[in-house]
Protein backbone atom coordinates (compact mmCIF):
# COMPACT_ATOMS: atom_id res chain seq x y z
CA MET A 1 -110.15 55.10 23.89
CA MET A 2 -110.18 53.03 27.04
CA SER A 3 -111.91 49.67 26.80
CA GLY A 4 -115.43 49.73 28.21
CA SER A 5 -115.19 53.42 29.01
CA ALA A 6 -118.11 55.80 29.41
CA ILE A 7 -117.23 57.20 26.01
CA GLN A 8 -117.74 53.81 24.35
CA ARG A 9 -120.92 52.79 26.20
CA PRO A 10 -122.35 56.06 27.45
CA LEU A 11 -125.98 54.92 27.79
CA ALA A 12 -124.99 52.07 30.11
CA VAL A 13 -123.16 54.59 32.31
CA MET A 14 -125.78 57.37 32.19
CA MET A 15 -129.05 55.52 32.55
CA SER A 16 -130.75 54.59 35.77
CA ARG A 17 -131.13 50.84 36.25
CA ARG A 18 -133.72 51.48 38.97
CA ILE A 19 -136.99 51.26 37.06
CA LEU A 20 -139.96 52.53 39.04
CA THR A 21 -143.40 51.59 37.77
CA ALA A 22 -147.11 52.19 38.06
CA SER A 23 -149.94 50.01 36.85
CA PRO A 24 -152.42 51.34 34.28
CA SER A 25 -155.06 51.46 37.03
CA THR A 26 -152.92 53.57 39.39
CA PRO A 27 -154.50 56.97 40.16
CA VAL A 28 -152.31 59.76 38.72
CA VAL A 29 -152.06 61.39 42.13
CA GLN A 30 -150.37 58.25 43.46
CA ALA A 31 -148.03 58.16 40.43
CA ALA A 32 -147.15 61.82 41.08
CA ARG A 33 -146.34 61.03 44.72
CA THR A 34 -144.09 58.16 43.68
CA MET A 35 -142.20 60.43 41.25
CA CYS A 36 -141.93 63.17 43.87
CA ASP A 37 -140.66 60.82 46.59
CA ALA A 38 -138.10 59.24 44.25
CA LYS A 39 -137.12 62.60 42.69
CA ILE A 40 -137.70 61.28 39.18
CA GLY A 41 -139.72 62.59 36.25
CA ALA A 42 -141.32 59.44 34.84
CA LEU A 43 -142.61 55.95 35.63
CA LEU A 44 -142.90 53.02 33.29
CA VAL A 45 -146.39 51.56 33.17
CA LEU A 46 -146.37 47.85 33.94
CA GLU A 47 -149.23 45.43 33.27
CA GLU A 48 -149.92 42.62 35.76
CA ASP A 49 -148.44 40.13 33.29
CA GLY A 50 -145.07 41.91 33.46
CA ARG A 51 -145.28 43.77 30.14
CA TYR A 52 -144.33 47.43 29.94
CA VAL A 53 -147.18 49.17 28.12
CA GLY A 54 -146.42 52.88 28.47
CA ILE A 55 -144.70 55.67 30.31
CA VAL A 56 -146.19 58.45 32.40
CA SER A 57 -144.21 61.62 33.01
CA GLU A 58 -144.53 64.85 34.94
CA THR A 59 -145.24 66.53 31.61
CA ASP A 60 -148.18 64.17 30.99
CA LEU A 61 -149.59 65.06 34.41
CA VAL A 62 -149.25 68.79 33.83
CA ARG A 63 -150.63 68.83 30.27
CA LYS A 64 -153.27 66.10 30.42
CA VAL A 65 -154.53 66.51 33.98
CA LEU A 66 -153.74 69.93 35.48
CA ALA A 67 -153.94 72.08 32.34
CA ALA A 68 -157.04 70.17 31.27
CA GLU A 69 -158.54 70.91 34.73
CA ARG A 70 -159.38 67.25 35.30
CA GLU A 71 -160.24 66.01 38.77
CA VAL A 72 -156.92 64.47 39.85
CA SER A 73 -158.50 61.91 42.14
CA GLN A 74 -160.52 60.52 39.21
CA VAL A 75 -157.80 60.14 36.55
CA LEU A 76 -155.89 56.89 36.04
CA VAL A 77 -152.39 56.45 34.64
CA SER A 78 -153.84 54.56 31.63
CA GLU A 79 -155.69 57.73 30.57
CA VAL A 80 -152.59 59.93 30.37
CA MET A 81 -149.65 57.62 29.70
CA MET A 82 -147.76 57.69 26.43
CA ALA A 83 -147.77 54.42 24.52
CA PRO A 84 -145.95 52.69 23.05
CA ILE A 85 -142.76 53.35 24.99
CA ILE A 86 -140.00 54.87 22.91
CA THR A 87 -136.80 52.89 23.39
CA ILE A 88 -133.16 53.00 22.47
CA GLU A 89 -130.73 50.09 22.44
CA ILE A 90 -127.98 50.30 25.09
CA ASP A 91 -125.13 50.34 22.56
CA ARG A 92 -126.34 53.53 20.82
CA SER A 93 -124.53 56.82 21.31
CA ALA A 94 -125.48 59.72 23.56
CA HIS A 95 -125.94 61.81 20.41
CA GLU A 96 -128.44 59.29 19.01
CA ALA A 97 -130.36 59.36 22.30
CA SER A 98 -130.37 63.16 22.28
CA ASP A 99 -131.54 63.25 18.64
CA LEU A 100 -134.34 60.75 19.34
CA MET A 101 -135.58 62.74 22.34
CA ALA A 102 -135.55 65.96 20.31
CA GLU A 103 -137.26 64.34 17.32
CA ARG A 104 -140.05 62.87 19.48
CA ALA A 105 -140.23 65.88 21.86
CA ILE A 106 -139.77 63.65 24.91
CA ARG A 107 -137.56 63.74 27.99
CA HIS A 108 -137.26 60.02 28.82
CA LEU A 109 -136.25 56.91 26.89
CA ALA A 110 -136.40 53.31 27.98
CA VAL A 111 -133.02 51.70 27.35
CA THR A 112 -133.11 48.16 25.98
CA GLU A 113 -130.57 45.39 25.80
CA ASP A 114 -131.43 42.58 23.41
CA GLY A 115 -134.98 43.97 23.25
CA ARG A 116 -135.52 43.92 27.04
CA ILE A 117 -135.87 47.16 29.03
CA VAL A 118 -132.91 47.50 31.40
CA GLY A 119 -133.01 51.17 32.35
CA ILE A 120 -134.37 54.67 31.92
CA LEU A 121 -132.50 57.59 30.38
CA SER A 122 -133.58 61.15 31.10
CA VAL A 123 -132.69 64.41 29.42
CA ARG A 124 -130.98 65.37 32.69
CA ASP A 125 -128.72 62.30 32.37
CA LEU A 126 -127.74 63.47 28.89
CA LEU A 127 -127.01 67.00 30.06
CA ARG A 128 -124.77 65.68 32.84
CA TYR A 129 -122.96 63.42 30.35
CA PHE A 130 -122.32 66.16 27.80
CA LYS A 131 -121.12 68.52 30.52
CA ASN A 132 -118.57 65.95 31.72
CA TRP A 133 -117.57 64.07 28.57
CA GLY A 134 -118.20 65.93 25.40
CA ARG A 135 -119.92 68.47 23.27
CA LEU A 136 -123.45 68.55 21.88
């Protein structure tokens, strides 16, 4: 194996280091626009004091707002976000990330390094990785 290769530290290579956020008081319609504009499927929910307190995904919006026939202009991120955030340490394997997502029935993980969130990993990132580097 090559030193520092994608095979040795796949999460560091796969994840997005660009972490987009919403506050708990953000209207879900605004969160949806942010996701749409950025072409991403989830936002971390950030308190004013700088703590990440949850994650809101497209799936949350579909299941908890649209399917529930809630008035989109009246619903806040805090009402539909998933908390606590499910995380994985950056030195874990792609297989461990895949297993954790499957076990928890989620499509996004926050990636941590020394306990601090440094990126977001999506199921799409995993699919791209397995297509290019290895088998499931």
